[in-house]
PDB file of all heavy atoms in Angstrom:
ATOM      1  N   ASP A   1      -1.018   0.331 -10.645  1.00  0.00           N
ATOM      2  CA  ASP A   1      -1.850   1.269  -9.896  1.00  0.00           C
ATOM      3  C   ASP A   1      -1.348   1.258  -8.441  1.00  0.00           C
ATOM      4  O   ASP A   1      -2.028   0.762  -7.517  1.00  0.00           O
ATOM      5  CB  ASP A   1      -3.340   0.819  -9.973  1.00  0.00           C
ATOM      6  CG  ASP A   1      -4.187   1.971  -9.385  1.00  0.00           C
ATOM      7  OD1 ASP A   1      -3.761   3.100  -9.110  1.00  0.00           O
ATOM      8  OD2 ASP A   1      -5.397   1.671  -9.146  1.00  0.00           O
ATOM      9  N   VAL A   2      -0.226   1.793  -8.202  1.00  0.00           N
ATOM     10  CA  VAL A   2       0.341   1.986  -6.871  1.00  0.00           C
ATOM     11  C   VAL A   2       0.034   3.281  -6.385  1.00  0.00           C
ATOM     12  O   VAL A   2       0.202   4.332  -6.967  1.00  0.00           O
ATOM     13  CB  VAL A   2       1.908   1.779  -6.886  1.00  0.00           C
ATOM     14  CG1 VAL A   2       2.511   1.947  -5.531  1.00  0.00           C
ATOM     15  CG2 VAL A   2       2.339   0.500  -7.479  1.00  0.00           C
ATOM     16  N   ARG A   3      -0.540   3.357  -5.156  1.00  0.00           N
ATOM     17  CA  ARG A   3      -1.002   4.591  -4.540  1.00  0.00           C
ATOM     18  C   ARG A   3      -0.229   4.716  -3.201  1.00  0.00           C
ATOM     19  O   ARG A   3      -0.051   3.787  -2.480  1.00  0.00           O
ATOM     20  CB  ARG A   3      -2.434   4.599  -4.246  1.00  0.00           C
ATOM     21  CG  ARG A   3      -3.357   4.479  -5.423  1.00  0.00           C
ATOM     22  CD  ARG A   3      -3.627   5.829  -6.140  1.00  0.00           C
ATOM     23  NE  ARG A   3      -4.247   5.688  -7.383  1.00  0.00           N
ATOM     24  CZ  ARG A   3      -5.663   5.687  -7.517  1.00  0.00           C
ATOM     25  NH1 ARG A   3      -6.412   5.827  -6.454  1.00  0.00           N
ATOM     26  NH2 ARG A   3      -6.168   5.554  -8.735  1.00  0.00           N
ATOM     27  N   VAL A   4       0.147   5.997  -2.882  1.00  0.00           N
ATOM     28  CA  VAL A   4       0.707   6.319  -1.666  1.00  0.00           C
ATOM     29  C   VAL A   4      -0.062   7.402  -0.886  1.00  0.00           C
ATOM     30  O   VAL A   4      -0.444   8.381  -1.492  1.00  0.00           O
ATOM     31  CB  VAL A   4       2.259   6.763  -1.846  1.00  0.00           C
ATOM     32  CG1 VAL A   4       2.876   7.119  -0.505  1.00  0.00           C
ATOM     33  CG2 VAL A   4       3.020   5.799  -2.709  1.00  0.00           C
ATOM     34  N   ILE A   5      -0.370   7.093   0.377  1.00  0.00           N
ATOM     35  CA  ILE A   5      -1.064   8.038   1.167  1.00  0.00           C
ATOM     36  C   ILE A   5      -0.224   8.385   2.304  1.00  0.00           C
ATOM     37  O   ILE A   5       0.216   7.536   3.188  1.00  0.00           O
ATOM     38  CB  ILE A   5      -2.450   7.479   1.713  1.00  0.00           C
ATOM     39  CG1 ILE A   5      -3.270   6.980   0.462  1.00  0.00           C
ATOM     40  CG2 ILE A   5      -3.260   8.585   2.369  1.00  0.00           C
ATOM     41  CD1 ILE A   5      -4.485   6.237   0.926  1.00  0.00           C
ATOM     42  N   ASP A   6       0.068   9.624   2.553  1.00  0.00           N
ATOM     43  CA  ASP A   6       0.751  10.179   3.696  1.00  0.00           C
ATOM     44  C   ASP A   6      -0.307  10.347   4.876  1.00  0.00           C
ATOM     45  O   ASP A   6      -1.166  11.183   4.742  1.00  0.00           O
ATOM     46  CB  ASP A   6       1.369  11.546   3.369  1.00  0.00           C
ATOM     47  CG  ASP A   6       2.152  12.144   4.566  1.00  0.00           C
ATOM     48  OD1 ASP A   6       1.975  11.773   5.715  1.00  0.00           O
ATOM     49  OD2 ASP A   6       2.884  13.165   4.346  1.00  0.00           O
ATOM     50  N   ILE A   7      -0.219   9.541   5.882  1.00  0.00           N
ATOM     51  CA  ILE A   7      -1.177   9.589   6.949  1.00  0.00           C
ATOM     52  C   ILE A   7      -0.512  10.045   8.193  1.00  0.00           C
ATOM     53  O   ILE A   7      -1.099  10.001   9.340  1.00  0.00           O
ATOM     54  CB  ILE A   7      -1.770   8.153   7.219  1.00  0.00           C
ATOM     55  CG1 ILE A   7      -0.756   7.165   7.543  1.00  0.00           C
ATOM     56  CG2 ILE A   7      -2.632   7.765   6.023  1.00  0.00           C
ATOM     57  CD1 ILE A   7      -1.339   5.887   8.163  1.00  0.00           C
ATOM     58  N   SER A   8       0.676  10.609   8.055  1.00  0.00           N
ATOM     59  CA  SER A   8       1.459  11.075   9.285  1.00  0.00           C
ATOM     60  C   SER A   8       0.759  12.140  10.237  1.00  0.00           C
ATOM     61  O   SER A   8       0.937  12.161  11.357  1.00  0.00           O
ATOM     62  CB  SER A   8       2.857  11.559   8.846  1.00  0.00           C
ATOM     63  OG  SER A   8       2.731  12.720   8.031  1.00  0.00           O
ATOM     64  N   GLU A   9      -0.093  12.979   9.557  1.00  0.00           N
ATOM     65  CA  GLU A   9      -0.736  14.011  10.246  1.00  0.00           C
ATOM     66  C   GLU A   9      -2.114  13.644  10.813  1.00  0.00           C
ATOM     67  O   GLU A   9      -2.693  14.333  11.548  1.00  0.00           O
ATOM     68  CB  GLU A   9      -0.825  15.257   9.430  1.00  0.00           C
ATOM     69  CG  GLU A   9       0.508  15.872   9.076  1.00  0.00           C
ATOM     70  CD  GLU A   9       0.433  17.091   8.265  1.00  0.00           C
ATOM     71  OE1 GLU A   9      -0.658  17.715   8.143  1.00  0.00           O
ATOM     72  OE2 GLU A   9       1.478  17.578   7.740  1.00  0.00           O
ATOM     73  N   ILE A  10      -2.596  12.431  10.392  1.00  0.00           N
ATOM     74  CA  ILE A  10      -3.916  12.057  10.859  1.00  0.00           C
ATOM     75  C   ILE A  10      -3.945  10.706  11.662  1.00  0.00           C
ATOM     76  O   ILE A  10      -4.980  10.372  12.125  1.00  0.00           O
ATOM     77  CB  ILE A  10      -4.922  11.860   9.726  1.00  0.00           C
ATOM     78  CG1 ILE A  10      -4.428  10.911   8.603  1.00  0.00           C
ATOM     79  CG2 ILE A  10      -5.111  13.312   9.022  1.00  0.00           C
ATOM     80  CD1 ILE A  10      -5.481  10.595   7.557  1.00  0.00           C
ATOM     81  N   SER A  11      -2.826  10.095  11.776  1.00  0.00           N
ATOM     82  CA  SER A  11      -2.760   8.820  12.433  1.00  0.00           C
ATOM     83  C   SER A  11      -1.402   8.580  13.048  1.00  0.00           C
ATOM     84  O   SER A  11      -0.322   9.062  12.561  1.00  0.00           O
ATOM     85  CB  SER A  11      -3.109   7.605  11.453  1.00  0.00           C
ATOM     86  OG  SER A  11      -3.001   6.403  12.201  1.00  0.00           O
ATOM     87  N   VAL A  12      -1.337   7.747  14.148  1.00  0.00           N
ATOM     88  CA  VAL A  12      -0.127   7.431  14.763  1.00  0.00           C
ATOM     89  C   VAL A  12       0.357   6.023  14.371  1.00  0.00           C
ATOM     90  O   VAL A  12       1.483   5.588  14.767  1.00  0.00           O
ATOM     91  CB  VAL A  12      -0.123   7.513  16.273  1.00  0.00           C
ATOM     92  CG1 VAL A  12      -0.378   9.015  16.744  1.00  0.00           C
ATOM     93  CG2 VAL A  12      -1.155   6.585  16.874  1.00  0.00           C
ATOM     94  N   ILE A  13      -0.405   5.298  13.513  1.00  0.00           N
ATOM     95  CA  ILE A  13      -0.054   3.916  13.241  1.00  0.00           C
ATOM     96  C   ILE A  13       1.120   3.817  12.226  1.00  0.00           C
ATOM     97  O   ILE A  13       1.787   2.892  12.233  1.00  0.00           O
ATOM     98  CB  ILE A  13      -1.212   3.128  12.744  1.00  0.00           C
ATOM     99  CG1 ILE A  13      -1.826   3.655  11.499  1.00  0.00           C
ATOM    100  CG2 ILE A  13      -2.291   3.011  13.759  1.00  0.00           C
ATOM    101  CD1 ILE A  13      -2.876   2.803  10.800  1.00  0.00           C
ATOM    102  N   ALA A  14       1.319   4.821  11.385  1.00  0.00           N
ATOM    103  CA  ALA A  14       2.354   4.858  10.420  1.00  0.00           C
ATOM    104  C   ALA A  14       2.466   6.263   9.811  1.00  0.00           C
ATOM    105  O   ALA A  14       1.557   7.029   9.976  1.00  0.00           O
ATOM    106  CB  ALA A  14       2.037   3.716   9.317  1.00  0.00           C
ATOM    107  N   ASP A  15       3.438   6.421   8.962  1.00  0.00           N
ATOM    108  CA  ASP A  15       3.593   7.733   8.251  1.00  0.00           C
ATOM    109  C   ASP A  15       2.922   7.607   6.832  1.00  0.00           C
ATOM    110  O   ASP A  15       2.403   8.517   6.302  1.00  0.00           O
ATOM    111  CB  ASP A  15       5.034   8.053   8.068  1.00  0.00           C
ATOM    112  CG  ASP A  15       5.600   8.589   9.332  1.00  0.00           C
ATOM    113  OD1 ASP A  15       4.899   8.992  10.263  1.00  0.00           O
ATOM    114  OD2 ASP A  15       6.859   8.542   9.480  1.00  0.00           O
ATOM    115  N   TYR A  16       3.076   6.384   6.173  1.00  0.00           N
ATOM    116  CA  TYR A  16       2.563   6.085   4.846  1.00  0.00           C
ATOM    117  C   TYR A  16       1.921   4.787   4.790  1.00  0.00           C
ATOM    118  O   TYR A  16       2.258   3.824   5.350  1.00  0.00           O
ATOM    119  CB  TYR A  16       3.794   6.151   3.873  1.00  0.00           C
ATOM    120  CG  TYR A  16       4.452   7.492   3.684  1.00  0.00           C
ATOM    121  CD1 TYR A  16       5.650   7.732   4.371  1.00  0.00           C
ATOM    122  CD2 TYR A  16       3.975   8.449   2.827  1.00  0.00           C
ATOM    123  CE1 TYR A  16       6.310   8.918   4.241  1.00  0.00           C
ATOM    124  CE2 TYR A  16       4.639   9.660   2.681  1.00  0.00           C
ATOM    125  CZ  TYR A  16       5.801   9.915   3.381  1.00  0.00           C
ATOM    126  OH  TYR A  16       6.388  11.097   3.204  1.00  0.00           O
ATOM    127  N   PHE A  17       0.894   4.769   3.865  1.00  0.00           N
ATOM    128  CA  PHE A  17       0.319   3.595   3.347  1.00  0.00           C
ATOM    129  C   PHE A  17       0.734   3.521   1.867  1.00  0.00           C
ATOM    130  O   PHE A  17       0.736   4.441   1.152  1.00  0.00           O
ATOM    131  CB  PHE A  17      -1.216   3.627   3.287  1.00  0.00           C
ATOM    132  CG  PHE A  17      -1.928   3.345   4.560  1.00  0.00           C
ATOM    133  CD1 PHE A  17      -3.276   3.615   4.682  1.00  0.00           C
ATOM    134  CD2 PHE A  17      -1.311   2.749   5.658  1.00  0.00           C
ATOM    135  CE1 PHE A  17      -3.920   3.324   5.913  1.00  0.00           C
ATOM    136  CE2 PHE A  17      -1.955   2.452   6.829  1.00  0.00           C
ATOM    137  CZ  PHE A  17      -3.285   2.759   6.949  1.00  0.00           C
ATOM    138  N   VAL A  18       1.094   2.331   1.472  1.00  0.00           N
ATOM    139  CA  VAL A  18       1.422   2.059   0.072  1.00  0.00           C
ATOM    140  C   VAL A  18       0.357   0.928  -0.325  1.00  0.00           C
ATOM    141  O   VAL A  18       0.251  -0.067   0.338  1.00  0.00           O
ATOM    142  CB  VAL A  18       2.836   1.520  -0.201  1.00  0.00           C
ATOM    143  CG1 VAL A  18       3.056   1.130  -1.592  1.00  0.00           C
ATOM    144  CG2 VAL A  18       3.888   2.560   0.290  1.00  0.00           C
ATOM    145  N   ILE A  19      -0.409   1.252  -1.378  1.00  0.00           N
ATOM    146  CA  ILE A  19      -1.548   0.425  -1.705  1.00  0.00           C
ATOM    147  C   ILE A  19      -1.318  -0.059  -3.227  1.00  0.00           C
ATOM    148  O   ILE A  19      -1.034   0.767  -4.080  1.00  0.00           O
ATOM    149  CB  ILE A  19      -2.871   1.107  -1.516  1.00  0.00           C
ATOM    150  CG1 ILE A  19      -2.993   1.580  -0.054  1.00  0.00           C
ATOM    151  CG2 ILE A  19      -3.994   0.194  -1.902  1.00  0.00           C
ATOM    152  CD1 ILE A  19      -4.182   2.590   0.101  1.00  0.00           C
ATOM    153  N   ALA A  20      -1.500  -1.340  -3.411  1.00  0.00           N
ATOM    154  CA  ALA A  20      -1.381  -1.908  -4.807  1.00  0.00           C
ATOM    155  C   ALA A  20      -2.342  -3.152  -4.935  1.00  0.00           C
ATOM    156  O   ALA A  20      -2.679  -3.688  -3.911  1.00  0.00           O
ATOM    157  CB  ALA A  20       0.039  -2.168  -5.104  1.00  0.00           C
ATOM    158  N   ASP A  21      -2.548  -3.516  -6.168  1.00  0.00           N
ATOM    159  CA  ASP A  21      -3.337  -4.682  -6.334  1.00  0.00           C
ATOM    160  C   ASP A  21      -2.705  -5.584  -7.378  1.00  0.00           C
ATOM    161  O   ASP A  21      -1.914  -5.140  -8.190  1.00  0.00           O
ATOM    162  CB  ASP A  21      -4.813  -4.419  -6.781  1.00  0.00           C
ATOM    163  CG  ASP A  21      -4.959  -3.589  -7.997  1.00  0.00           C
ATOM    164  OD1 ASP A  21      -4.650  -4.190  -9.067  1.00  0.00           O
ATOM    165  OD2 ASP A  21      -5.341  -2.422  -7.906  1.00  0.00           O
ATOM    166  N   ALA A  22      -3.000  -6.893  -7.243  1.00  0.00           N
ATOM    167  CA  ALA A  22      -2.405  -7.911  -8.121  1.00  0.00           C
ATOM    168  C   ALA A  22      -3.494  -8.485  -9.103  1.00  0.00           C
ATOM    169  O   ALA A  22      -4.675  -8.590  -8.740  1.00  0.00           O
ATOM    170  CB  ALA A  22      -1.767  -9.012  -7.316  1.00  0.00           C
ATOM    171  N   ALA A  23      -3.076  -8.910 -10.215  1.00  0.00           N
ATOM    172  CA  ALA A  23      -3.926  -9.530 -11.186  1.00  0.00           C
ATOM    173  C   ALA A  23      -4.275 -10.995 -10.850  1.00  0.00           C
ATOM    174  O   ALA A  23      -5.300 -11.495 -11.189  1.00  0.00           O
ATOM    175  CB  ALA A  23      -3.342  -9.442 -12.597  1.00  0.00           C
ATOM    176  N   ASN A  24      -3.373 -11.553 -10.136  1.00  0.00           N
ATOM    177  CA  ASN A  24      -3.556 -13.046  -9.695  1.00  0.00           C
ATOM    178  C   ASN A  24      -2.672 -13.359  -8.490  1.00  0.00           C
ATOM    179  O   ASN A  24      -1.929 -12.544  -8.031  1.00  0.00           O
ATOM    180  CB  ASN A  24      -3.211 -13.967 -10.929  1.00  0.00           C
ATOM    181  CG  ASN A  24      -1.840 -13.766 -11.413  1.00  0.00           C
ATOM    182  OD1 ASN A  24      -0.868 -13.785 -10.678  1.00  0.00           O
ATOM    183  ND2 ASN A  24      -1.695 -13.434 -12.716  1.00  0.00           N
ATOM    184  N   SER A  25      -2.886 -14.546  -7.935  1.00  0.00           N
ATOM    185  CA  SER A  25      -2.115 -15.013  -6.742  1.00  0.00           C
ATOM    186  C   SER A  25      -0.621 -15.068  -6.977  1.00  0.00           C
ATOM    187  O   SER A  25       0.187 -14.723  -6.124  1.00  0.00           O
ATOM    188  CB  SER A  25      -2.665 -16.261  -6.241  1.00  0.00           C
ATOM    189  OG  SER A  25      -2.513 -17.254  -7.144  1.00  0.00           O
ATOM    190  N   ASN A  26      -0.173 -15.425  -8.141  1.00  0.00           N
ATOM    191  CA  ASN A  26       1.219 -15.424  -8.377  1.00  0.00           C
ATOM    192  C   ASN A  26       1.848 -14.048  -8.387  1.00  0.00           C
ATOM    193  O   ASN A  26       2.928 -13.909  -7.823  1.00  0.00           O
ATOM    194  CB  ASN A  26       1.523 -16.150  -9.770  1.00  0.00           C
ATOM    195  CG  ASN A  26       1.256 -17.578  -9.803  1.00  0.00           C
ATOM    196  OD1 ASN A  26       1.228 -18.257  -8.741  1.00  0.00           O
ATOM    197  ND2 ASN A  26       0.912 -18.114 -10.921  1.00  0.00           N
ATOM    198  N   GLN A  27       1.168 -13.037  -8.959  1.00  0.00           N
ATOM    199  CA  GLN A  27       1.673 -11.716  -8.971  1.00  0.00           C
ATOM    200  C   GLN A  27       1.625 -11.158  -7.437  1.00  0.00           C
ATOM    201  O   GLN A  27       2.534 -10.484  -7.083  1.00  0.00           O
ATOM    202  CB  GLN A  27       0.848 -10.774  -9.838  1.00  0.00           C
ATOM    203  CG  GLN A  27       1.432  -9.397  -9.896  1.00  0.00           C
ATOM    204  CD  GLN A  27       0.676  -8.394 -10.695  1.00  0.00           C
ATOM    205  OE1 GLN A  27      -0.463  -8.520 -10.891  1.00  0.00           O
ATOM    206  NE2 GLN A  27       1.403  -7.378 -11.222  1.00  0.00           N
ATOM    207  N   LEU A  28       0.606 -11.534  -6.728  1.00  0.00           N
ATOM    208  CA  LEU A  28       0.548 -11.101  -5.288  1.00  0.00           C
ATOM    209  C   LEU A  28       1.721 -11.647  -4.476  1.00  0.00           C
ATOM    210  O   LEU A  28       2.392 -10.876  -3.817  1.00  0.00           O
ATOM    211  CB  LEU A  28      -0.725 -11.581  -4.671  1.00  0.00           C
ATOM    212  CG  LEU A  28      -1.008 -11.129  -3.302  1.00  0.00           C
ATOM    213  CD1 LEU A  28      -1.245  -9.645  -3.177  1.00  0.00           C
ATOM    214  CD2 LEU A  28      -2.265 -11.867  -2.722  1.00  0.00           C
ATOM    215  N   GLN A  29       2.096 -12.878  -4.686  1.00  0.00           N
ATOM    216  CA  GLN A  29       3.289 -13.457  -4.071  1.00  0.00           C
ATOM    217  C   GLN A  29       4.571 -12.751  -4.507  1.00  0.00           C
ATOM    218  O   GLN A  29       5.416 -12.441  -3.699  1.00  0.00           O
ATOM    219  CB  GLN A  29       3.350 -14.932  -4.324  1.00  0.00           C
ATOM    220  CG  GLN A  29       4.493 -15.634  -3.500  1.00  0.00           C
ATOM    221  CD  GLN A  29       4.320 -15.652  -2.069  1.00  0.00           C
ATOM    222  OE1 GLN A  29       3.219 -15.936  -1.572  1.00  0.00           O
ATOM    223  NE2 GLN A  29       5.357 -15.201  -1.372  1.00  0.00           N
ATOM    224  N   ALA A  30       4.635 -12.487  -5.790  1.00  0.00           N
ATOM    225  CA  ALA A  30       5.862 -11.852  -6.307  1.00  0.00           C
ATOM    226  C   ALA A  30       6.014 -10.417  -5.693  1.00  0.00           C
ATOM    227  O   ALA A  30       7.130  -9.952  -5.451  1.00  0.00           O
ATOM    228  CB  ALA A  30       5.794 -11.819  -7.848  1.00  0.00           C
ATOM    229  N   MET A  31       4.832  -9.717  -5.643  1.00  0.00           N
ATOM    230  CA  MET A  31       4.855  -8.399  -4.999  1.00  0.00           C
ATOM    231  C   MET A  31       5.340  -8.377  -3.572  1.00  0.00           C
ATOM    232  O   MET A  31       6.118  -7.619  -3.146  1.00  0.00           O
ATOM    233  CB  MET A  31       3.437  -7.767  -5.146  1.00  0.00           C
ATOM    234  CG  MET A  31       3.001  -7.458  -6.566  1.00  0.00           C
ATOM    235  SD  MET A  31       1.231  -7.191  -6.815  1.00  0.00           S
ATOM    236  CE  MET A  31       0.886  -5.896  -5.756  1.00  0.00           C
TER     237      MET A  31
END
């Protein structure tokens, strides 16, 4: 479940957010 949000027109902090979640701490580290 990887999501991408283009925030370039509503914020100056970045152009994109990439959002994902991990099933466990090992997967989080691997990601």
